[in-house]
Amino acid sequence: VQDADAYMSERFFSPNSDGIKDTTVFSFRLDPAASVAVEILDRWGQTVWRESRPEGSATTGGSFVWSG
């Protein structure tokens, strides 16, 4: 059980398609509701993945799945 406003299901994962820890889920809670975007950066600060909710949609929580 997680009791945090932001957390991941797998801190370390291996997206090699072997069916074991191939993805991680980013989950979050917000108060008050806000628009949300998740951005993954590499060690050089370059964006390698970005996902956001539709423009103008506010939420108090949810999750994103990343497969690396």
PDB file of N, CA and C in Angstrom:
ATOM      1  N   VAL A   1       0.846  -1.176   0.000  1.00  0.00           N
ATOM      2  CA  VAL A   1       0.000   0.000   0.000  1.00  0.00           C
ATOM      3  C   VAL A   1       0.888   1.235   0.000  1.00  0.00           C
ATOM      4  N   GLN A   2       0.585   2.153  -0.895  1.00  0.00           N
ATOM      5  CA  GLN A   2       1.322   3.410  -0.969  1.00  0.00           C
ATOM      6  C   GLN A   2       0.477   4.506  -0.338  1.00  0.00           C
ATOM      7  N   ASP A   3       1.096   5.391   0.407  1.00  0.00           N
ATOM      8  CA  ASP A   3       0.401   6.537   0.966  1.00  0.00           C
ATOM      9  C   ASP A   3       1.207   7.787   0.651  1.00  0.00           C
ATOM     10  N   ALA A   4       1.264   8.103  -0.635  1.00  0.00           N
ATOM     11  CA  ALA A   4       2.020   9.263  -1.101  1.00  0.00           C
ATOM     12  C   ALA A   4       1.229   9.930  -2.212  1.00  0.00           C
ATOM     13  N   ASP A   5       1.587  11.149  -2.528  1.00  0.00           N
ATOM     14  CA  ASP A   5       0.885  11.856  -3.594  1.00  0.00           C
ATOM     15  C   ASP A   5       1.396  11.480  -4.980  1.00  0.00           C
ATOM     16  N   ALA A   6       2.586  10.911  -5.077  1.00  0.00           N
ATOM     17  CA  ALA A   6       3.134  10.432  -6.345  1.00  0.00           C
ATOM     18  C   ALA A   6       3.998   9.212  -6.071  1.00  0.00           C
ATOM     19  N   TYR A   7       3.818   8.157  -6.878  1.00  0.00           N
ATOM     20  CA  TYR A   7       4.607   6.948  -6.678  1.00  0.00           C
ATOM     21  C   TYR A   7       4.606   6.103  -7.943  1.00  0.00           C
ATOM     22  N   MET A   8       5.517   5.132  -8.002  1.00  0.00           N
ATOM     23  CA  MET A   8       5.648   4.221  -9.133  1.00  0.00           C
ATOM     24  C   MET A   8       5.442   2.791  -8.641  1.00  0.00           C
ATOM     25  N   SER A   9       4.876   1.941  -9.503  1.00  0.00           N
ATOM     26  CA  SER A   9       4.661   0.543  -9.111  1.00  0.00           C
ATOM     27  C   SER A   9       5.969  -0.235  -9.076  1.00  0.00           C
ATOM     28  N   GLU A  10       6.885   0.069  -9.970  1.00  0.00           N
ATOM     29  CA  GLU A  10       8.193  -0.585 -10.022  1.00  0.00           C
ATOM     30  C   GLU A  10       9.269   0.487 -10.065  1.00  0.00           C
ATOM     31  N   ARG A  11      10.074   0.586  -9.036  1.00  0.00           N
ATOM     32  CA  ARG A  11      11.153   1.571  -9.035  1.00  0.00           C
ATOM     33  C   ARG A  11      12.197   1.212 -10.087  1.00  0.00           C
ATOM     34  N   PHE A  12      12.470  -0.072 -10.225  1.00  0.00           N
ATOM     35  CA  PHE A  12      13.372  -0.580 -11.253  1.00  0.00           C
ATOM     36  C   PHE A  12      12.576  -1.523 -12.129  1.00  0.00           C
ATOM     37  N   PHE A  13      12.699  -1.383 -13.443  1.00  0.00           N
ATOM     38  CA  PHE A  13      12.007  -2.287 -14.345  1.00  0.00           C
ATOM     39  C   PHE A  13      12.878  -2.540 -15.564  1.00  0.00           C
ATOM     40  N   SER A  14      12.561  -3.614 -16.289  1.00  0.00           N
ATOM     41  CA  SER A  14      13.375  -4.006 -17.441  1.00  0.00           C
ATOM     42  C   SER A  14      12.465  -4.234 -18.643  1.00  0.00           C
ATOM     43  N   PRO A  15      12.315  -3.219 -19.491  1.00  0.00           N
ATOM     44  CA  PRO A  15      11.412  -3.322 -20.645  1.00  0.00           C
ATOM     45  C   PRO A  15      12.000  -4.169 -21.776  1.00  0.00           C
ATOM     46  N   ASN A  16      12.199  -5.473 -21.503  1.00  0.00           N
ATOM     47  CA  ASN A  16      12.795  -6.363 -22.499  1.00  0.00           C
ATOM     48  C   ASN A  16      11.814  -7.401 -23.041  1.00  0.00           C
ATOM     49  N   SER A  17      10.529  -7.214 -22.783  1.00  0.00           N
ATOM     50  CA  SER A  17       9.447  -8.069 -23.296  1.00  0.00           C
ATOM     51  C   SER A  17       9.504  -9.511 -22.803  1.00  0.00           C
ATOM     52  N   ASP A  18      10.086  -9.736 -21.620  1.00  0.00           N
ATOM     53  CA  ASP A  18      10.093 -11.092 -21.080  1.00  0.00           C
ATOM     54  C   ASP A  18       8.890 -11.356 -20.175  1.00  0.00           C
ATOM     55  N   GLY A  19       8.028 -10.345 -19.998  1.00  0.00           N
ATOM     56  CA  GLY A  19       6.836 -10.503 -19.187  1.00  0.00           C
ATOM     57  C   GLY A  19       7.059 -10.262 -17.705  1.00  0.00           C
ATOM     58  N   ILE A  20       8.286  -9.916 -17.315  1.00  0.00           N
ATOM     59  CA  ILE A  20       8.612  -9.677 -15.912  1.00  0.00           C
ATOM     60  C   ILE A  20       9.062  -8.228 -15.753  1.00  0.00           C
ATOM     61  N   LYS A  21       8.286  -7.451 -15.006  1.00  0.00           N
ATOM     62  CA  LYS A  21       8.600  -6.036 -14.750  1.00  0.00           C
ATOM     63  C   LYS A  21       8.935  -5.263 -16.026  1.00  0.00           C
ATOM     64  N   ASP A  22       8.100  -5.440 -17.060  1.00  0.00           N
ATOM     65  CA  ASP A  22       8.325  -4.745 -18.331  1.00  0.00           C
ATOM     66  C   ASP A  22       7.818  -3.311 -18.330  1.00  0.00           C
ATOM     67  N   THR A  23       6.966  -2.955 -17.374  1.00  0.00           N
ATOM     68  CA  THR A  23       6.414  -1.604 -17.309  1.00  0.00           C
ATOM     69  C   THR A  23       6.425  -1.113 -15.866  1.00  0.00           C
ATOM     70  N   THR A  24       6.215   0.179 -15.717  1.00  0.00           N
ATOM     71  CA  THR A  24       5.981   0.754 -14.399  1.00  0.00           C
ATOM     72  C   THR A  24       4.790   1.688 -14.503  1.00  0.00           C
ATOM     73  N   VAL A  25       4.040   1.817 -13.446  1.00  0.00           N
ATOM     74  CA  VAL A  25       2.872   2.678 -13.418  1.00  0.00           C
ATOM     75  C   VAL A  25       3.169   3.867 -12.511  1.00  0.00           C
ATOM     76  N   PHE A  26       3.036   5.064 -13.048  1.00  0.00           N
ATOM     77  CA  PHE A  26       3.154   6.287 -12.268  1.00  0.00           C
ATOM     78  C   PHE A  26       1.759   6.664 -11.799  1.00  0.00           C
ATOM     79  N   SER A  27       1.544   6.761 -10.510  1.00  0.00           N
ATOM     80  CA  SER A  27       0.240   7.143  -9.957  1.00  0.00           C
ATOM     81  C   SER A  27       0.391   8.426  -9.163  1.00  0.00           C
ATOM     82  N   PHE A  28      -0.693   9.195  -9.087  1.00  0.00           N
ATOM     83  CA  PHE A  28      -0.615  10.494  -8.416  1.00  0.00           C
ATOM     84  C   PHE A  28      -1.961  10.889  -7.832  1.00  0.00           C
ATOM     85  N   ARG A  29      -1.909  11.777  -6.824  1.00  0.00           N
ATOM     86  CA  ARG A  29      -3.092  12.416  -6.238  1.00  0.00           C
ATOM     87  C   ARG A  29      -2.817  13.909  -6.171  1.00  0.00           C
ATOM     88  N   LEU A  30      -3.848  14.700  -6.412  1.00  0.00           N
ATOM     89  CA  LEU A  30      -3.718  16.153  -6.378  1.00  0.00           C
ATOM     90  C   LEU A  30      -4.850  16.772  -5.563  1.00  0.00           C
ATOM     91  N   ASP A  31      -4.547  17.869  -4.911  1.00  0.00           N
ATOM     92  CA  ASP A  31      -5.567  18.642  -4.214  1.00  0.00           C
ATOM     93  C   ASP A  31      -5.101  20.097  -4.198  1.00  0.00           C
ATOM     94  N   PRO A  32      -5.706  20.954  -4.966  1.00  0.00           N
ATOM     95  CA  PRO A  32      -6.924  20.802  -5.758  1.00  0.00           C
ATOM     96  C   PRO A  32      -6.641  20.174  -7.124  1.00  0.00           C
ATOM     97  N   ALA A  33      -7.706  19.964  -7.896  1.00  0.00           N
ATOM     98  CA  ALA A  33      -7.586  19.397  -9.243  1.00  0.00           C
ATOM     99  C   ALA A  33      -6.717  20.284 -10.120  1.00  0.00           C
ATOM    100  N   ALA A  34      -5.968  19.640 -11.039  1.00  0.00           N
ATOM    101  CA  ALA A  34      -5.078  20.380 -11.940  1.00  0.00           C
ATOM    102  C   ALA A  34      -4.878  19.587 -13.226  1.00  0.00           C
ATOM    103  N   SER A  35      -4.379  20.240 -14.246  1.00  0.00           N
ATOM    104  CA  SER A  35      -3.974  19.553 -15.479  1.00  0.00           C
ATOM    105  C   SER A  35      -2.669  18.822 -15.190  1.00  0.00           C
ATOM    106  N   VAL A  36      -2.470  17.669 -15.848  1.00  0.00           N
ATOM    107  CA  VAL A  36      -1.321  16.831 -15.530  1.00  0.00           C
ATOM    108  C   VAL A  36      -0.571  16.424 -16.797  1.00  0.00           C
ATOM    109  N   ALA A  37       0.756  16.417 -16.704  1.00  0.00           N
ATOM    110  CA  ALA A  37       1.632  15.877 -17.745  1.00  0.00           C
ATOM    111  C   ALA A  37       2.783  15.167 -17.048  1.00  0.00           C
ATOM    112  N   VAL A  38       3.210  14.052 -17.616  1.00  0.00           N
ATOM    113  CA  VAL A  38       4.360  13.312 -17.100  1.00  0.00           C
ATOM    114  C   VAL A  38       5.436  13.362 -18.168  1.00  0.00           C
ATOM    115  N   GLU A  39       6.662  13.657 -17.750  1.00  0.00           N
ATOM    116  CA  GLU A  39       7.779  13.744 -18.687  1.00  0.00           C
ATOM    117  C   GLU A  39       8.954  12.965 -18.100  1.00  0.00           C
ATOM    118  N   ILE A  40       9.523  12.050 -18.883  1.00  0.00           N
ATOM    119  CA  ILE A  40      10.684  11.271 -18.481  1.00  0.00           C
ATOM    120  C   ILE A  40      11.898  11.850 -19.205  1.00  0.00           C
ATOM    121  N   LEU A  41      12.944  12.145 -18.424  1.00  0.00           N
ATOM    122  CA  LEU A  41      14.174  12.711 -18.979  1.00  0.00           C
ATOM    123  C   LEU A  41      15.308  11.711 -18.849  1.00  0.00           C
ATOM    124  N   ASP A  42      16.227  11.714 -19.829  1.00  0.00           N
ATOM    125  CA  ASP A  42      17.425  10.897 -19.700  1.00  0.00           C
ATOM    126  C   ASP A  42      18.454  11.645 -18.858  1.00  0.00           C
ATOM    127  N   ARG A  43      19.605  11.061 -18.655  1.00  0.00           N
ATOM    128  CA  ARG A  43      20.590  11.691 -17.773  1.00  0.00           C
ATOM    129  C   ARG A  43      21.162  12.984 -18.314  1.00  0.00           C
ATOM    130  N   TRP A  44      20.922  13.280 -19.595  1.00  0.00           N
ATOM    131  CA  TRP A  44      21.384  14.529 -20.200  1.00  0.00           C
ATOM    132  C   TRP A  44      20.297  15.599 -20.227  1.00  0.00           C
ATOM    133  N   GLY A  45      19.134  15.263 -19.644  1.00  0.00           N
ATOM    134  CA  GLY A  45      18.038  16.219 -19.581  1.00  0.00           C
ATOM    135  C   GLY A  45      17.162  16.260 -20.820  1.00  0.00           C
ATOM    136  N   GLN A  46      17.343  15.299 -21.720  1.00  0.00           N
ATOM    137  CA  GLN A  46      16.532  15.228 -22.931  1.00  0.00           C
ATOM    138  C   GLN A  46      15.251  14.426 -22.661  1.00  0.00           C
ATOM    139  N   THR A  47      14.132  14.902 -23.180  1.00  0.00           N
ATOM    140  CA  THR A  47      12.856  14.198 -23.008  1.00  0.00           C
ATOM    141  C   THR A  47      12.867  12.908 -23.816  1.00  0.00           C
ATOM    142  N   VAL A  48      12.593  11.774 -23.155  1.00  0.00           N
ATOM    143  CA  VAL A  48      12.505  10.492 -23.848  1.00  0.00           C
ATOM    144  C   VAL A  48      11.065   9.988 -23.915  1.00  0.00           C
ATOM    145  N   TRP A  49      10.187  10.557 -23.089  1.00  0.00           N
ATOM    146  CA  TRP A  49       8.777  10.170 -23.102  1.00  0.00           C
ATOM    147  C   TRP A  49       7.965  11.254 -22.432  1.00  0.00           C
ATOM    148  N   ARG A  50       6.799  11.521 -22.997  1.00  0.00           N
ATOM    149  CA  ARG A  50       5.899  12.521 -22.421  1.00  0.00           C
ATOM    150  C   ARG A  50       4.468  12.079 -22.675  1.00  0.00           C
ATOM    151  N   GLU A  51       3.636  12.215 -21.655  1.00  0.00           N
ATOM    152  CA  GLU A  51       2.213  11.932 -21.801  1.00  0.00           C
ATOM    153  C   GLU A  51       1.442  12.951 -20.980  1.00  0.00           C
ATOM    154  N   SER A  52       0.334  13.390 -21.518  1.00  0.00           N
ATOM    155  CA  SER A  52      -0.488  14.357 -20.793  1.00  0.00           C
ATOM    156  C   SER A  52      -1.955  14.038 -21.019  1.00  0.00           C
ATOM    157  N   ARG A  53      -2.768  14.575 -20.162  1.00  0.00           N
ATOM    158  CA  ARG A  53      -4.218  14.453 -20.299  1.00  0.00           C
ATOM    159  C   ARG A  53      -4.683  15.501 -21.305  1.00  0.00           C
ATOM    160  N   PRO A  54      -5.875  15.323 -21.861  1.00  0.00           N
ATOM    161  CA  PRO A  54      -6.377  16.315 -22.828  1.00  0.00           C
ATOM    162  C   PRO A  54      -6.312  17.739 -22.281  1.00  0.00           C
ATOM    163  N   GLU A  55      -5.990  18.683 -23.132  1.00  0.00           N
ATOM    164  CA  GLU A  55      -5.866  20.096 -22.759  1.00  0.00           C
ATOM    165  C   GLU A  55      -7.106  20.579 -22.009  1.00  0.00           C
ATOM    166  N   GLY A  56      -6.883  21.224 -20.901  1.00  0.00           N
ATOM    167  CA  GLY A  56      -7.990  21.804 -20.142  1.00  0.00           C
ATOM    168  C   GLY A  56      -8.693  20.846 -19.201  1.00  0.00           C
ATOM    169  N   SER A  57      -8.282  19.571 -19.183  1.00  0.00           N
ATOM    170  CA  SER A  57      -8.944  18.642 -18.275  1.00  0.00           C
ATOM    171  C   SER A  57      -8.215  18.627 -16.935  1.00  0.00           C
ATOM    172  N   ALA A  58      -8.954  18.871 -15.886  1.00  0.00           N
ATOM    173  CA  ALA A  58      -8.387  18.878 -14.533  1.00  0.00           C
ATOM    174  C   ALA A  58      -8.752  17.570 -13.851  1.00  0.00           C
ATOM    175  N   THR A  59      -7.849  17.071 -13.038  1.00  0.00           N
ATOM    176  CA  THR A  59      -8.081  15.814 -12.340  1.00  0.00           C
ATOM    177  C   THR A  59      -7.510  15.888 -10.925  1.00  0.00           C
ATOM    178  N   THR A  60      -7.993  15.023 -10.060  1.00  0.00           N
ATOM    179  CA  THR A  60      -7.450  14.940  -8.705  1.00  0.00           C
ATOM    180  C   THR A  60      -6.597  13.692  -8.513  1.00  0.00           C
ATOM    181  N   GLY A  61      -6.487  12.862  -9.561  1.00  0.00           N
ATOM    182  CA  GLY A  61      -5.659  11.674  -9.461  1.00  0.00           C
ATOM    183  C   GLY A  61      -5.754  10.812 -10.690  1.00  0.00           C
ATOM    184  N   GLY A  62      -4.819   9.877 -10.796  1.00  0.00           N
ATOM    185  CA  GLY A  62      -4.817   8.972 -11.928  1.00  0.00           C
ATOM    186  C   GLY A  62      -3.481   8.274 -12.044  1.00  0.00           C
ATOM    187  N   SER A  63      -3.223   7.699 -13.228  1.00  0.00           N
ATOM    188  CA  SER A  63      -1.968   6.991 -13.431  1.00  0.00           C
ATOM    189  C   SER A  63      -1.600   6.974 -14.918  1.00  0.00           C
ATOM    190  N   PHE A  64      -0.318   6.753 -15.164  1.00  0.00           N
ATOM    191  CA  PHE A  64       0.233   6.610 -16.501  1.00  0.00           C
ATOM    192  C   PHE A  64       1.089   5.334 -16.490  1.00  0.00           C
ATOM    193  N   VAL A  65       1.053   4.577 -17.578  1.00  0.00           N
ATOM    194  CA  VAL A  65       1.891   3.389 -17.710  1.00  0.00           C
ATOM    195  C   VAL A  65       3.030   3.716 -18.664  1.00  0.00           C
ATOM    196  N   TRP A  66       4.274   3.379 -18.278  1.00  0.00           N
ATOM    197  CA  TRP A  66       5.427   3.586 -19.146  1.00  0.00           C
ATOM    198  C   TRP A  66       6.120   2.252 -19.365  1.00  0.00           C
ATOM    199  N   SER A  67       6.416   1.957 -20.629  1.00  0.00           N
ATOM    200  CA  SER A  67       7.063   0.686 -20.982  1.00  0.00           C
ATOM    201  C   SER A  67       8.534   0.864 -21.329  1.00  0.00           C
ATOM    202  N   GLY A  68       9.083   2.011 -21.017  1.00  0.00           N
ATOM    203  CA  GLY A  68      10.500   2.235 -21.245  1.00  0.00           C
ATOM    204  C   GLY A  68      10.811   2.437 -22.687  1.00  0.00           C
TER     205      GLY A  68
END
